[in-house]
C-alpha cells in the first residue's frame, strides 16, 4: 500500500487495496453478463444511466471518456444487446435520449450484487467488530458525499 500522510489518501489507498482483491471476480462476472463485450466505457455508461436515468449520447460520451462518434457506436452496441433503448428527445428531435431497458437494469443490479458478494467473501475473513466499524465509516462517508456521488 502507498504511504500517504493525509487521511483521504490513506483511505483511498486502503480501499484500492481492498478493491484489488475482489476486482478479478467482479470483472469476470461482468464479462459473462455482458457476453464478453465488457469495457470500462460500457460499464460506466450503464451505471450512469442506472443512477441518473435517461441521458443524451453527448452526456454518455463525457462520462465514458469517448468521442461523440465512439459513444454513438457504443450505444449502438448496447441497443443491439438489448441493454438500452434510444429515442428522439421530445424537446429537440436532433438529440437522442438513451435509457436503460429492464434487461440493462437487471445487468447493473447483478453487477452490484456480485460486487457486494465479492466484498463479503473478502470481508468475511475479518473480525466482525472491524467490519461493523468499516460499514459505519463507509456509510457516513457516502452520506456526506455530494448527491452526484451518493447512491
N, C-alpha and C. Protein backbone atom coordinates (compact mmCIF):
# COMPACT_ATOMS: atom_id res chain seq x y z
N UNK A 1 0.85 -1.17 0.00
CA UNK A 1 0.00 0.00 0.00
C UNK A 1 0.89 1.23 0.00
N UNK A 2 0.46 2.26 -0.71
CA UNK A 2 1.20 3.52 -0.77
C UNK A 2 1.19 4.18 0.61
N UNK A 3 2.24 4.91 0.92
CA UNK A 3 2.33 5.61 2.19
C UNK A 3 2.02 7.09 1.96
N UNK A 4 0.86 7.51 2.41
CA UNK A 4 0.44 8.90 2.27
C UNK A 4 0.09 9.43 3.66
N UNK A 5 0.34 10.69 3.85
CA UNK A 5 0.14 11.28 5.17
C UNK A 5 -1.30 11.73 5.43
N UNK A 6 -1.96 12.27 4.41
CA UNK A 6 -3.30 12.80 4.68
C UNK A 6 -4.33 11.66 4.74
N UNK A 7 -5.35 11.81 5.58
CA UNK A 7 -6.34 10.75 5.79
C UNK A 7 -7.08 10.34 4.52
N UNK A 8 -7.39 11.29 3.64
CA UNK A 8 -8.11 10.94 2.41
C UNK A 8 -7.25 10.02 1.53
N UNK A 9 -5.96 10.32 1.42
CA UNK A 9 -5.06 9.47 0.63
C UNK A 9 -4.93 8.09 1.27
N UNK A 10 -4.81 8.05 2.58
CA UNK A 10 -4.70 6.77 3.27
C UNK A 10 -5.96 5.93 3.03
N UNK A 11 -7.12 6.55 3.12
CA UNK A 11 -8.37 5.83 2.89
C UNK A 11 -8.47 5.37 1.45
N UNK A 12 -8.08 6.24 0.51
CA UNK A 12 -8.15 5.89 -0.91
C UNK A 12 -7.30 4.66 -1.22
N UNK A 13 -6.08 4.65 -0.71
CA UNK A 13 -5.19 3.51 -0.99
C UNK A 13 -5.65 2.25 -0.26
N UNK A 14 -6.22 2.40 0.92
CA UNK A 14 -6.75 1.23 1.63
C UNK A 14 -7.92 0.63 0.85
N UNK A 15 -8.81 1.49 0.35
CA UNK A 15 -9.94 1.00 -0.45
C UNK A 15 -9.48 0.39 -1.76
N UNK A 16 -8.47 1.00 -2.39
CA UNK A 16 -7.93 0.44 -3.64
C UNK A 16 -7.35 -0.94 -3.39
N UNK A 17 -6.67 -1.12 -2.27
CA UNK A 17 -6.11 -2.42 -1.91
C UNK A 17 -7.22 -3.46 -1.74
N UNK A 18 -8.27 -3.08 -1.05
CA UNK A 18 -9.41 -3.97 -0.85
C UNK A 18 -10.07 -4.30 -2.18
N UNK A 19 -10.32 -3.27 -2.99
CA UNK A 19 -10.97 -3.50 -4.28
C UNK A 19 -10.11 -4.37 -5.19
N UNK A 20 -8.80 -4.19 -5.12
CA UNK A 20 -7.90 -5.02 -5.93
C UNK A 20 -8.04 -6.50 -5.63
N UNK A 21 -8.48 -6.84 -4.44
CA UNK A 21 -8.67 -8.25 -4.07
C UNK A 21 -9.97 -8.84 -4.62
N UNK A 22 -10.92 -7.98 -4.95
CA UNK A 22 -12.19 -8.50 -5.45
C UNK A 22 -12.39 -8.23 -6.93
N UNK A 23 -11.62 -7.31 -7.50
CA UNK A 23 -11.82 -6.90 -8.90
C UNK A 23 -11.79 -8.05 -9.89
N UNK A 24 -10.87 -9.00 -9.81
CA UNK A 24 -10.87 -10.08 -10.81
C UNK A 24 -12.19 -10.85 -10.85
N UNK A 25 -12.77 -11.10 -9.70
CA UNK A 25 -14.06 -11.81 -9.66
C UNK A 25 -15.17 -10.96 -10.28
N UNK A 26 -15.19 -9.68 -9.93
CA UNK A 26 -16.23 -8.79 -10.44
C UNK A 26 -16.11 -8.63 -11.95
N UNK A 27 -14.88 -8.43 -12.45
CA UNK A 27 -14.69 -8.23 -13.89
C UNK A 27 -15.05 -9.49 -14.66
N UNK A 28 -14.72 -10.66 -14.11
CA UNK A 28 -15.10 -11.91 -14.77
C UNK A 28 -16.61 -12.05 -14.86
N UNK A 29 -17.29 -11.69 -13.80
CA UNK A 29 -18.76 -11.75 -13.80
C UNK A 29 -19.33 -10.74 -14.80
N UNK A 30 -18.74 -9.54 -14.84
CA UNK A 30 -19.21 -8.52 -15.78
C UNK A 30 -19.05 -9.01 -17.22
N UNK A 31 -17.94 -9.65 -17.51
CA UNK A 31 -17.72 -10.16 -18.87
C UNK A 31 -18.77 -11.20 -19.24
N UNK A 32 -19.13 -12.06 -18.30
CA UNK A 32 -20.18 -13.05 -18.57
C UNK A 32 -21.53 -12.38 -18.77
N UNK A 33 -21.85 -11.40 -17.93
CA UNK A 33 -23.16 -10.74 -18.01
C UNK A 33 -23.29 -9.90 -19.28
N UNK A 34 -22.17 -9.38 -19.79
CA UNK A 34 -22.21 -8.55 -20.98
C UNK A 34 -21.73 -9.32 -22.21
N UNK A 35 -21.84 -10.64 -22.16
CA UNK A 35 -21.47 -11.51 -23.28
C UNK A 35 -20.07 -11.23 -23.80
N UNK A 36 -19.14 -11.01 -22.90
CA UNK A 36 -17.76 -10.77 -23.30
C UNK A 36 -17.51 -9.38 -23.85
N UNK A 37 -18.54 -8.56 -23.97
CA UNK A 37 -18.41 -7.20 -24.53
C UNK A 37 -18.24 -6.17 -23.43
N UNK A 38 -17.52 -6.53 -22.38
CA UNK A 38 -17.33 -5.61 -21.27
C UNK A 38 -16.16 -4.67 -21.55
N UNK A 39 -16.44 -3.39 -21.46
CA UNK A 39 -15.40 -2.37 -21.50
C UNK A 39 -15.72 -1.40 -20.38
N UNK A 40 -14.71 -0.68 -19.92
CA UNK A 40 -14.97 0.31 -18.88
C UNK A 40 -15.97 1.33 -19.37
N UNK A 41 -15.89 1.70 -20.63
CA UNK A 41 -16.82 2.70 -21.17
C UNK A 41 -18.25 2.21 -21.09
N UNK A 42 -18.48 0.97 -21.48
CA UNK A 42 -19.85 0.41 -21.42
C UNK A 42 -20.36 0.35 -19.99
N UNK A 43 -19.51 -0.16 -19.09
CA UNK A 43 -19.94 -0.28 -17.70
C UNK A 43 -20.20 1.09 -17.10
N UNK A 44 -19.33 2.05 -17.39
CA UNK A 44 -19.53 3.41 -16.87
C UNK A 44 -20.83 4.01 -17.40
N UNK A 45 -21.11 3.83 -18.68
CA UNK A 45 -22.34 4.36 -19.27
C UNK A 45 -23.57 3.70 -18.64
N UNK A 46 -23.53 2.39 -18.47
CA UNK A 46 -24.67 1.69 -17.89
C UNK A 46 -24.92 2.12 -16.44
N UNK A 47 -23.85 2.24 -15.66
CA UNK A 47 -24.03 2.70 -14.27
C UNK A 47 -24.54 4.13 -14.23
N UNK A 48 -24.07 4.97 -15.14
CA UNK A 48 -24.53 6.36 -15.19
C UNK A 48 -26.04 6.40 -15.48
N UNK A 49 -26.48 5.62 -16.43
CA UNK A 49 -27.91 5.55 -16.75
C UNK A 49 -28.70 4.99 -15.58
N UNK A 50 -28.14 4.02 -14.90
CA UNK A 50 -28.81 3.40 -13.74
C UNK A 50 -29.01 4.43 -12.63
N UNK A 51 -27.98 5.23 -12.37
CA UNK A 51 -28.05 6.19 -11.27
C UNK A 51 -28.82 7.46 -11.61
N UNK A 52 -28.70 7.93 -12.86
CA UNK A 52 -29.26 9.24 -13.20
C UNK A 52 -30.44 9.20 -14.17
N UNK A 53 -30.75 8.05 -14.72
CA UNK A 53 -31.86 7.96 -15.66
C UNK A 53 -31.43 8.32 -17.07
N UNK A 54 -32.39 8.49 -17.97
CA UNK A 54 -32.09 8.74 -19.38
C UNK A 54 -31.13 9.91 -19.59
N UNK A 55 -30.23 9.73 -20.55
CA UNK A 55 -29.19 10.72 -20.84
C UNK A 55 -29.02 10.84 -22.35
N UNK A 56 -28.42 11.92 -22.78
CA UNK A 56 -28.10 12.08 -24.19
C UNK A 56 -26.82 11.30 -24.51
N UNK A 57 -26.60 11.03 -25.78
CA UNK A 57 -25.37 10.37 -26.19
C UNK A 57 -24.18 11.26 -25.84
N UNK A 58 -24.34 12.58 -25.98
CA UNK A 58 -23.26 13.51 -25.62
C UNK A 58 -22.90 13.39 -24.14
N UNK A 59 -23.91 13.25 -23.27
CA UNK A 59 -23.66 13.08 -21.84
C UNK A 59 -22.89 11.79 -21.59
N UNK A 60 -23.28 10.72 -22.26
CA UNK A 60 -22.61 9.44 -22.09
C UNK A 60 -21.18 9.50 -22.61
N UNK A 61 -20.95 10.25 -23.68
CA UNK A 61 -19.59 10.40 -24.21
C UNK A 61 -18.68 11.00 -23.15
N UNK A 62 -19.16 12.00 -22.44
CA UNK A 62 -18.36 12.65 -21.40
C UNK A 62 -18.06 11.66 -20.28
N UNK A 63 -19.08 10.97 -19.81
CA UNK A 63 -18.93 10.03 -18.69
C UNK A 63 -18.00 8.88 -19.05
N UNK A 64 -18.10 8.41 -20.29
CA UNK A 64 -17.33 7.24 -20.73
C UNK A 64 -15.98 7.61 -21.34
N UNK A 65 -15.66 8.91 -21.35
CA UNK A 65 -14.40 9.40 -21.92
C UNK A 65 -14.23 8.97 -23.38
N UNK A 66 -15.30 9.17 -24.15
CA UNK A 66 -15.31 8.81 -25.56
C UNK A 66 -15.64 10.03 -26.41
N UNK A 67 -15.27 9.97 -27.68
CA UNK A 67 -15.71 10.99 -28.62
C UNK A 67 -17.20 10.77 -28.85
N UNK A 68 -17.92 11.78 -29.34
CA UNK A 68 -19.34 11.59 -29.64
C UNK A 68 -19.57 10.44 -30.63
N UNK A 69 -18.70 10.31 -31.62
CA UNK A 69 -18.84 9.23 -32.60
C UNK A 69 -18.65 7.87 -31.93
N UNK A 70 -17.63 7.74 -31.11
CA UNK A 70 -17.38 6.47 -30.42
C UNK A 70 -18.52 6.16 -29.44
N UNK A 71 -19.05 7.18 -28.77
CA UNK A 71 -20.16 6.98 -27.85
C UNK A 71 -21.40 6.51 -28.61
N UNK A 72 -21.62 7.07 -29.78
CA UNK A 72 -22.76 6.65 -30.60
C UNK A 72 -22.61 5.18 -30.99
N UNK A 73 -21.40 4.77 -31.36
CA UNK A 73 -21.16 3.35 -31.70
C UNK A 73 -21.35 2.46 -30.47
N UNK A 74 -20.89 2.94 -29.30
CA UNK A 74 -21.08 2.17 -28.08
C UNK A 74 -22.57 1.98 -27.81
N UNK A 75 -23.34 3.06 -27.95
CA UNK A 75 -24.79 2.98 -27.74
C UNK A 75 -25.42 2.03 -28.75
N UNK A 76 -24.97 2.05 -30.00
CA UNK A 76 -25.47 1.09 -31.00
C UNK A 76 -25.32 -0.33 -30.49
N UNK A 77 -24.14 -0.65 -29.94
CA UNK A 77 -23.90 -1.99 -29.41
C UNK A 77 -24.77 -2.32 -28.22
N UNK A 78 -24.98 -1.35 -27.34
CA UNK A 78 -25.84 -1.57 -26.17
C UNK A 78 -27.30 -1.74 -26.58
N UNK A 79 -27.72 -0.99 -27.61
CA UNK A 79 -29.08 -1.16 -28.13
C UNK A 79 -29.22 -2.56 -28.73
N UNK A 80 -28.25 -2.96 -29.55
CA UNK A 80 -28.28 -4.29 -30.17
C UNK A 80 -28.30 -5.40 -29.12
N UNK A 81 -27.64 -5.16 -27.98
CA UNK A 81 -27.62 -6.14 -26.91
C UNK A 81 -28.85 -6.10 -26.02
N UNK A 82 -29.77 -5.17 -26.29
CA UNK A 82 -30.99 -5.07 -25.51
C UNK A 82 -30.81 -4.42 -24.15
N UNK A 83 -29.66 -3.77 -23.92
CA UNK A 83 -29.39 -3.18 -22.61
C UNK A 83 -29.90 -1.75 -22.47
N UNK A 84 -30.01 -1.04 -23.60
CA UNK A 84 -30.52 0.33 -23.58
C UNK A 84 -31.48 0.52 -24.75
N UNK A 85 -32.28 1.55 -24.63
CA UNK A 85 -33.12 2.00 -25.75
C UNK A 85 -32.67 3.40 -26.13
N UNK A 86 -32.95 3.78 -27.37
CA UNK A 86 -32.57 5.11 -27.85
C UNK A 86 -33.78 5.68 -28.58
N UNK A 87 -34.10 6.94 -28.26
CA UNK A 87 -35.23 7.60 -28.93
C UNK A 87 -34.91 9.07 -29.12
N UNK A 88 -35.70 9.72 -29.94
CA UNK A 88 -35.54 11.16 -30.12
C UNK A 88 -35.98 11.88 -28.86
N UNK A 89 -35.31 12.97 -28.56
CA UNK A 89 -35.70 13.82 -27.44
C UNK A 89 -37.03 14.49 -27.79
N UNK A 90 -37.96 14.53 -26.86
CA UNK A 90 -39.22 15.22 -27.13
C UNK A 90 -39.03 16.74 -27.27
N UNK A 91 -37.92 17.26 -26.75
CA UNK A 91 -37.65 18.69 -26.79
C UNK A 91 -36.87 19.08 -28.05
N UNK A 92 -35.93 18.23 -28.45
CA UNK A 92 -35.06 18.52 -29.59
C UNK A 92 -34.88 17.24 -30.40
N UNK A 93 -35.55 17.16 -31.54
CA UNK A 93 -35.55 15.92 -32.33
C UNK A 93 -34.17 15.54 -32.85
N UNK A 94 -33.23 16.48 -32.86
CA UNK A 94 -31.86 16.17 -33.30
C UNK A 94 -31.09 15.42 -32.22
N UNK A 95 -31.55 15.52 -31.01
CA UNK A 95 -30.88 14.91 -29.86
C UNK A 95 -31.49 13.55 -29.56
N UNK A 96 -30.65 12.55 -29.33
CA UNK A 96 -31.12 11.21 -28.96
C UNK A 96 -31.01 11.02 -27.45
N UNK A 97 -32.01 10.39 -26.88
CA UNK A 97 -32.02 10.10 -25.46
C UNK A 97 -31.88 8.59 -25.28
N UNK A 98 -30.96 8.21 -24.41
CA UNK A 98 -30.66 6.80 -24.15
C UNK A 98 -31.14 6.46 -22.75
N UNK A 99 -31.80 5.31 -22.62
CA UNK A 99 -32.30 4.86 -21.32
C UNK A 99 -32.02 3.37 -21.15
N UNK A 100 -31.86 2.96 -19.90
CA UNK A 100 -31.70 1.53 -19.62
C UNK A 100 -33.00 0.80 -19.91
N UNK A 101 -32.88 -0.39 -20.46
CA UNK A 101 -34.04 -1.28 -20.57
C UNK A 101 -34.12 -2.08 -19.27
N UNK A 102 -35.18 -2.86 -19.13
CA UNK A 102 -35.30 -3.73 -17.96
C UNK A 102 -34.11 -4.69 -17.91
N UNK A 103 -33.69 -5.18 -19.07
CA UNK A 103 -32.54 -6.09 -19.12
C UNK A 103 -31.26 -5.38 -18.69
N UNK A 104 -31.07 -4.14 -19.14
CA UNK A 104 -29.90 -3.36 -18.74
C UNK A 104 -29.90 -3.11 -17.24
N UNK A 105 -31.06 -2.78 -16.69
CA UNK A 105 -31.18 -2.59 -15.24
C UNK A 105 -30.85 -3.86 -14.48
N UNK A 106 -31.30 -5.00 -15.01
CA UNK A 106 -31.01 -6.28 -14.36
C UNK A 106 -29.51 -6.58 -14.39
N UNK A 107 -28.84 -6.22 -15.48
CA UNK A 107 -27.39 -6.43 -15.57
C UNK A 107 -26.68 -5.60 -14.49
N UNK A 108 -27.05 -4.33 -14.35
CA UNK A 108 -26.41 -3.48 -13.35
C UNK A 108 -26.72 -4.00 -11.95
N UNK A 109 -27.95 -4.38 -11.68
CA UNK A 109 -28.27 -4.94 -10.36
C UNK A 109 -27.47 -6.21 -10.10
N UNK A 110 -27.28 -7.02 -11.13
CA UNK A 110 -26.47 -8.23 -11.00
C UNK A 110 -25.01 -7.91 -10.71
N UNK A 111 -24.47 -6.89 -11.40
CA UNK A 111 -23.09 -6.48 -11.15
C UNK A 111 -22.92 -5.93 -9.74
N UNK A 112 -23.90 -5.17 -9.29
CA UNK A 112 -23.84 -4.64 -7.91
C UNK A 112 -23.90 -5.78 -6.90
N UNK A 113 -24.77 -6.75 -7.14
CA UNK A 113 -24.87 -7.89 -6.22
C UNK A 113 -23.58 -8.71 -6.23
N UNK A 114 -23.00 -8.90 -7.39
CA UNK A 114 -21.74 -9.64 -7.49
C UNK A 114 -20.62 -8.89 -6.78
N UNK A 115 -20.59 -7.58 -6.91
CA UNK A 115 -19.58 -6.78 -6.22
C UNK A 115 -19.74 -6.91 -4.71
N UNK A 116 -20.97 -6.80 -4.23
CA UNK A 116 -21.22 -6.94 -2.79
C UNK A 116 -20.83 -8.34 -2.32
N UNK A 117 -21.15 -9.37 -3.11
CA UNK A 117 -20.79 -10.74 -2.73
C UNK A 117 -19.28 -10.92 -2.67
N UNK A 118 -18.57 -10.31 -3.60
CA UNK A 118 -17.11 -10.41 -3.61
C UNK A 118 -16.52 -9.71 -2.38
N UNK A 119 -17.06 -8.53 -2.04
CA UNK A 119 -16.60 -7.84 -0.83
C UNK A 119 -16.91 -8.70 0.40
N UNK A 120 -18.09 -9.30 0.44
CA UNK A 120 -18.48 -10.13 1.57
C UNK A 120 -17.53 -11.31 1.73
N UNK A 121 -17.15 -11.91 0.62
CA UNK A 121 -16.22 -13.04 0.67
C UNK A 121 -14.89 -12.61 1.31
N UNK A 122 -14.38 -11.45 0.92
CA UNK A 122 -13.11 -10.96 1.46
C UNK A 122 -13.30 -10.50 2.91
N UNK A 123 -14.34 -9.70 3.16
CA UNK A 123 -14.54 -9.15 4.50
C UNK A 123 -14.98 -10.19 5.51
N UNK A 124 -15.52 -11.30 5.04
CA UNK A 124 -15.95 -12.37 5.94
C UNK A 124 -14.80 -12.94 6.75
N UNK A 125 -13.57 -12.74 6.27
CA UNK A 125 -12.40 -13.24 6.99
C UNK A 125 -11.95 -12.28 8.09
N UNK A 126 -12.49 -11.08 8.10
CA UNK A 126 -12.10 -10.08 9.11
C UNK A 126 -12.97 -10.23 10.35
N UNK A 127 -12.47 -9.81 11.50
CA UNK A 127 -13.29 -9.86 12.72
C UNK A 127 -14.56 -9.02 12.57
N UNK A 128 -15.68 -9.51 13.09
CA UNK A 128 -16.96 -8.80 12.95
C UNK A 128 -16.93 -7.35 13.44
N UNK A 129 -16.21 -7.07 14.52
CA UNK A 129 -16.18 -5.69 15.02
C UNK A 129 -15.48 -4.77 14.02
N UNK A 130 -14.49 -5.28 13.30
CA UNK A 130 -13.82 -4.47 12.27
C UNK A 130 -14.75 -4.19 11.11
N UNK A 131 -15.50 -5.21 10.68
CA UNK A 131 -16.40 -4.98 9.55
C UNK A 131 -17.55 -4.07 9.95
N UNK A 132 -17.98 -4.14 11.21
CA UNK A 132 -19.02 -3.22 11.68
C UNK A 132 -18.49 -1.78 11.68
N UNK A 133 -17.26 -1.59 12.13
CA UNK A 133 -16.65 -0.26 12.10
C UNK A 133 -16.53 0.24 10.67
N UNK A 134 -16.09 -0.63 9.77
CA UNK A 134 -15.94 -0.26 8.36
C UNK A 134 -17.29 0.13 7.75
N UNK A 135 -18.32 -0.68 8.02
CA UNK A 135 -19.65 -0.38 7.48
C UNK A 135 -20.14 0.98 7.97
N UNK A 136 -19.95 1.28 9.24
CA UNK A 136 -20.37 2.57 9.77
C UNK A 136 -19.60 3.73 9.14
N UNK A 137 -18.29 3.55 9.01
CA UNK A 137 -17.47 4.62 8.43
C UNK A 137 -17.82 4.86 6.96
N UNK A 138 -17.95 3.80 6.19
CA UNK A 138 -18.27 3.95 4.77
C UNK A 138 -19.66 4.58 4.60
N UNK A 139 -20.61 4.15 5.40
CA UNK A 139 -21.96 4.71 5.33
C UNK A 139 -21.93 6.21 5.61
N UNK A 140 -21.19 6.62 6.62
CA UNK A 140 -21.11 8.06 6.95
C UNK A 140 -20.44 8.84 5.82
N UNK A 141 -19.40 8.28 5.22
CA UNK A 141 -18.72 8.96 4.12
C UNK A 141 -19.67 9.10 2.93
N UNK A 142 -20.35 8.04 2.57
CA UNK A 142 -21.28 8.09 1.42
C UNK A 142 -22.37 9.12 1.66
N UNK A 143 -22.89 9.18 2.87
CA UNK A 143 -23.93 10.16 3.18
C UNK A 143 -23.41 11.59 3.11
N UNK A 144 -22.11 11.79 3.29
CA UNK A 144 -21.53 13.12 3.26
C UNK A 144 -21.13 13.56 1.85
N UNK A 145 -21.17 12.65 0.89
CA UNK A 145 -20.76 12.98 -0.47
C UNK A 145 -21.80 13.84 -1.17
N UNK A 146 -21.36 14.63 -2.15
CA UNK A 146 -22.34 15.35 -2.95
C UNK A 146 -23.30 14.37 -3.61
N UNK A 147 -24.49 14.84 -3.90
CA UNK A 147 -25.55 13.98 -4.44
C UNK A 147 -25.12 13.18 -5.65
N UNK A 148 -24.35 13.75 -6.54
CA UNK A 148 -23.94 13.07 -7.77
C UNK A 148 -23.12 11.82 -7.47
N UNK A 149 -22.40 11.81 -6.34
CA UNK A 149 -21.56 10.68 -5.98
C UNK A 149 -22.27 9.68 -5.07
N UNK A 150 -23.35 10.10 -4.44
CA UNK A 150 -24.05 9.23 -3.49
C UNK A 150 -24.97 8.29 -4.25
N UNK A 151 -25.35 7.23 -3.58
CA UNK A 151 -26.25 6.23 -4.16
C UNK A 151 -27.68 6.67 -4.03
